[in-house]
Amino acid sequence: MNLIGYIIFLAVAYLITVHVGLVFFRKGRVYILFLMKGDVDYSDAINRLLLICYYLVNLGYAAVMVSFWNEITTLAELVSSITTMLGRLVITLAILHYCNMFAIYLLSVRHKKTLKQ
C-alpha cells in the first residue's frame, strides 16, 4: 500500500507544485516589475530565480515527506496519509510564497535606494 501512496502523493504534489509555480511566475512578474520600478531585466531575473528555487525546495520537501510515512495497511490509512501530507505541502507552499513576497519587497527597498544614489 505504501508504494501506491507514494506514487499518488508524489504525482499530485508534482502537479500542484508545477501549476502553482507557473501561476506565481506569470502573475508575479507584474508585482515584481511594480516593486522594481519597471526594471525589466532585474525583475525577470528575480522571477526566474524564484521559480527555480520554488521548484527545488517544494519537490525536495515532498520527496523528504515520503520518507517519514509509517506503514500503511488499509485504504483509510492511505487516504488519510495522502491528504495529511498534501495539506502539509500546501501550507508550506503558502508560507514560502509569503516569505518570497516579503523578500521581494525588501529587495525593492534596497533597489530603490541604489537608484537614488
C-alpha atoms as a PDB file:
ATOM      1  CA  MET A   1       0.000   0.000   0.000  1.00  0.00           C
ATOM      2  CA  ASN A   2       2.849   2.401   0.707  1.00  0.00           C
ATOM      3  CA  LEU A   3       4.096   2.279  -2.875  1.00  0.00           C
ATOM      4  CA  ILE A   4       0.654   3.244  -4.162  1.00  0.00           C
ATOM      5  CA  GLY A   5       0.540   6.089  -1.656  1.00  0.00           C
ATOM      6  CA  TYR A   6       3.982   7.320  -2.663  1.00  0.00           C
ATOM      7  CA  ILE A   7       3.063   7.336  -6.335  1.00  0.00           C
ATOM      8  CA  ILE A   8      -0.247   9.139  -5.784  1.00  0.00           C
ATOM      9  CA  PHE A   9       1.259  11.658  -3.367  1.00  0.00           C
ATOM     10  CA  LEU A  10       4.285  12.468  -5.498  1.00  0.00           C
ATOM     11  CA  ALA A  11       2.189  12.778  -8.659  1.00  0.00           C
ATOM     12  CA  VAL A  12      -0.313  15.150  -7.022  1.00  0.00           C
ATOM     13  CA  ALA A  13       2.471  17.071  -5.259  1.00  0.00           C
ATOM     14  CA  TYR A  14       4.263  17.478  -8.573  1.00  0.00           C
ATOM     15  CA  LEU A  15       1.124  18.729 -10.313  1.00  0.00           C
ATOM     16  CA  ILE A  16       0.302  21.173  -7.510  1.00  0.00           C
ATOM     17  CA  THR A  17       3.871  22.458  -7.348  1.00  0.00           C
ATOM     18  CA  VAL A  18       4.236  22.939 -11.096  1.00  0.00           C
ATOM     19  CA  HIS A  19       0.805  24.520 -11.554  1.00  0.00           C
ATOM     20  CA  VAL A  20       1.158  26.918  -8.621  1.00  0.00           C
ATOM     21  CA  GLY A  21       4.745  27.735  -9.626  1.00  0.00           C
ATOM     22  CA  LEU A  22       3.677  28.684 -13.143  1.00  0.00           C
ATOM     23  CA  VAL A  23       0.843  30.846 -11.812  1.00  0.00           C
ATOM     24  CA  PHE A  24       3.250  32.604  -9.433  1.00  0.00           C
ATOM     25  CA  PHE A  25       5.737  33.042 -12.256  1.00  0.00           C
ATOM     26  CA  ARG A  26       3.222  34.560 -14.681  1.00  0.00           C
ATOM     27  CA  LYS A  27       1.254  36.721 -12.265  1.00  0.00           C
ATOM     28  CA  GLY A  28       4.169  37.581 -10.007  1.00  0.00           C
ATOM     29  CA  ARG A  29       6.093  39.278 -12.802  1.00  0.00           C
ATOM     30  CA  VAL A  30       3.718  42.249 -12.662  1.00  0.00           C
ATOM     31  CA  TYR A  31       4.174  42.539  -8.894  1.00  0.00           C
ATOM     32  CA  ILE A  32       7.952  42.353  -9.146  1.00  0.00           C
ATOM     33  CA  LEU A  33       8.032  44.868 -12.014  1.00  0.00           C
ATOM     34  CA  PHE A  34       5.961  47.271  -9.921  1.00  0.00           C
ATOM     35  CA  LEU A  35       8.247  46.925  -6.925  1.00  0.00           C
ATOM     36  CA  MET A  36      11.381  47.280  -9.059  1.00  0.00           C
ATOM     37  CA  LYS A  37      10.046  50.417 -10.758  1.00  0.00           C
ATOM     38  CA  GLY A  38       9.873  48.842 -14.196  1.00  0.00           C
ATOM     39  CA  ASP A  39      13.412  47.418 -14.301  1.00  0.00           C
ATOM     40  CA  VAL A  40      12.540  44.533 -16.655  1.00  0.00           C
ATOM     41  CA  ASP A  41      15.885  42.711 -16.676  1.00  0.00           C
ATOM     42  CA  TYR A  42      16.240  42.754 -12.883  1.00  0.00           C
ATOM     43  CA  SER A  43      12.594  41.755 -12.369  1.00  0.00           C
ATOM     44  CA  ASP A  44      12.757  38.868 -14.838  1.00  0.00           C
ATOM     45  CA  ALA A  45      15.980  37.595 -13.299  1.00  0.00           C
ATOM     46  CA  ILE A  46      14.415  37.607  -9.828  1.00  0.00           C
ATOM     47  CA  ASN A  47      11.257  35.947 -11.138  1.00  0.00           C
ATOM     48  CA  ARG A  48      13.173  33.112 -12.847  1.00  0.00           C
ATOM     49  CA  LEU A  49      15.358  32.588  -9.794  1.00  0.00           C
ATOM     50  CA  LEU A  50      12.302  32.410  -7.546  1.00  0.00           C
ATOM     51  CA  LEU A  51      10.668  29.843  -9.823  1.00  0.00           C
ATOM     52  CA  ILE A  52      13.720  27.582  -9.848  1.00  0.00           C
ATOM     53  CA  CYS A  53      14.170  27.823  -6.072  1.00  0.00           C
ATOM     54  CA  TYR A  54      10.453  27.243  -5.570  1.00  0.00           C
ATOM     55  CA  TYR A  55      10.546  24.032  -7.611  1.00  0.00           C
ATOM     56  CA  LEU A  56      13.678  22.723  -5.938  1.00  0.00           C
ATOM     57  CA  VAL A  57      12.506  23.402  -2.402  1.00  0.00           C
ATOM     58  CA  ASN A  58       8.979  22.080  -2.859  1.00  0.00           C
ATOM     59  CA  LEU A  59       9.790  18.953  -4.822  1.00  0.00           C
ATOM     60  CA  GLY A  60      12.635  18.198  -2.419  1.00  0.00           C
ATOM     61  CA  TYR A  61      10.329  18.727   0.548  1.00  0.00           C
ATOM     62  CA  ALA A  62       7.724  16.412  -0.990  1.00  0.00           C
ATOM     63  CA  ALA A  63      10.362  13.724  -1.514  1.00  0.00           C
ATOM     64  CA  VAL A  64      11.573  14.027   2.075  1.00  0.00           C
ATOM     65  CA  MET A  65       7.996  13.844   3.392  1.00  0.00           C
ATOM     66  CA  VAL A  66       7.620  10.415   1.798  1.00  0.00           C
ATOM     67  CA  SER A  67      10.468   9.058   3.908  1.00  0.00           C
ATOM     68  CA  PHE A  68       8.568   9.832   7.127  1.00  0.00           C
ATOM     69  CA  TRP A  69       5.483   7.796   6.297  1.00  0.00           C
ATOM     70  CA  ASN A  70       4.507   4.906   8.526  1.00  0.00           C
ATOM     71  CA  GLU A  71       3.442   1.540   7.191  1.00  0.00           C
ATOM     72  CA  ILE A  72       0.029   1.786   5.517  1.00  0.00           C
ATOM     73  CA  THR A  73      -2.189  -1.279   5.649  1.00  0.00           C
ATOM     74  CA  THR A  74      -5.704  -0.068   4.849  1.00  0.00           C
ATOM     75  CA  LEU A  75      -7.342   2.158   2.270  1.00  0.00           C
ATOM     76  CA  ALA A  76      -8.477   4.550   5.010  1.00  0.00           C
ATOM     77  CA  GLU A  77      -4.881   4.962   6.213  1.00  0.00           C
ATOM     78  CA  LEU A  78      -3.779   5.523   2.623  1.00  0.00           C
ATOM     79  CA  VAL A  79      -6.302   8.319   2.047  1.00  0.00           C
ATOM     80  CA  SER A  80      -5.559   9.854   5.443  1.00  0.00           C
ATOM     81  CA  SER A  81      -1.804   9.819   4.856  1.00  0.00           C
ATOM     82  CA  ILE A  82      -2.069  11.317   1.373  1.00  0.00           C
ATOM     83  CA  THR A  83      -4.412  14.101   2.453  1.00  0.00           C
ATOM     84  CA  THR A  84      -2.338  14.912   5.532  1.00  0.00           C
ATOM     85  CA  MET A  85       0.875  15.088   3.538  1.00  0.00           C
ATOM     86  CA  LEU A  86      -0.717  17.143   0.762  1.00  0.00           C
ATOM     87  CA  GLY A  87      -2.148  19.510   3.368  1.00  0.00           C
ATOM     88  CA  ARG A  88       1.299  19.991   4.884  1.00  0.00           C
ATOM     89  CA  LEU A  89       2.744  20.585   1.442  1.00  0.00           C
ATOM     90  CA  VAL A  90       0.139  23.215   0.548  1.00  0.00           C
ATOM     91  CA  ILE A  91       0.618  25.015   3.885  1.00  0.00           C
ATOM     92  CA  THR A  92       4.359  25.004   3.257  1.00  0.00           C
ATOM     93  CA  LEU A  93       3.795  26.418  -0.231  1.00  0.00           C
ATOM     94  CA  ALA A  94       1.700  29.230   1.221  1.00  0.00           C
ATOM     95  CA  ILE A  95       4.307  30.080   3.859  1.00  0.00           C
ATOM     96  CA  LEU A  96       7.098  30.080   1.279  1.00  0.00           C
ATOM     97  CA  HIS A  97       5.025  32.274  -1.024  1.00  0.00           C
ATOM     98  CA  TYR A  98       4.552  34.949   1.626  1.00  0.00           C
ATOM     99  CA  CYS A  99       8.218  34.741   2.648  1.00  0.00           C
ATOM    100  CA  ASN A 100       9.179  35.261  -1.000  1.00  0.00           C
ATOM    101  CA  MET A 101       6.838  38.227  -1.316  1.00  0.00           C
ATOM    102  CA  PHE A 102       8.413  39.795   1.759  1.00  0.00           C
ATOM    103  CA  ALA A 103      11.907  39.130   0.420  1.00  0.00           C
ATOM    104  CA  ILE A 104      10.985  40.740  -2.891  1.00  0.00           C
ATOM    105  CA  TYR A 105       9.652  43.753  -1.028  1.00  0.00           C
ATOM    106  CA  LEU A 106      12.941  44.056   0.864  1.00  0.00           C
ATOM    107  CA  LEU A 107      14.852  43.762  -2.421  1.00  0.00           C
ATOM    108  CA  SER A 108      12.722  46.522  -3.902  1.00  0.00           C
ATOM    109  CA  VAL A 109      13.507  48.820  -0.982  1.00  0.00           C
ATOM    110  CA  ARG A 110      17.199  48.153  -1.496  1.00  0.00           C
ATOM    111  CA  HIS A 111      16.830  48.605  -5.253  1.00  0.00           C
ATOM    112  CA  LYS A 112      15.115  51.984  -4.739  1.00  0.00           C
ATOM    113  CA  LYS A 113      17.993  53.120  -2.506  1.00  0.00           C
ATOM    114  CA  THR A 114      20.586  52.202  -5.138  1.00  0.00           C
ATOM    115  CA  LEU A 115      18.626  54.026  -7.838  1.00  0.00           C
ATOM    116  CA  LYS A 116      18.606  57.225  -5.764  1.00  0.00           C
ATOM    117  CA  GLN A 117      22.388  57.238  -5.409  1.00  0.00           C
END
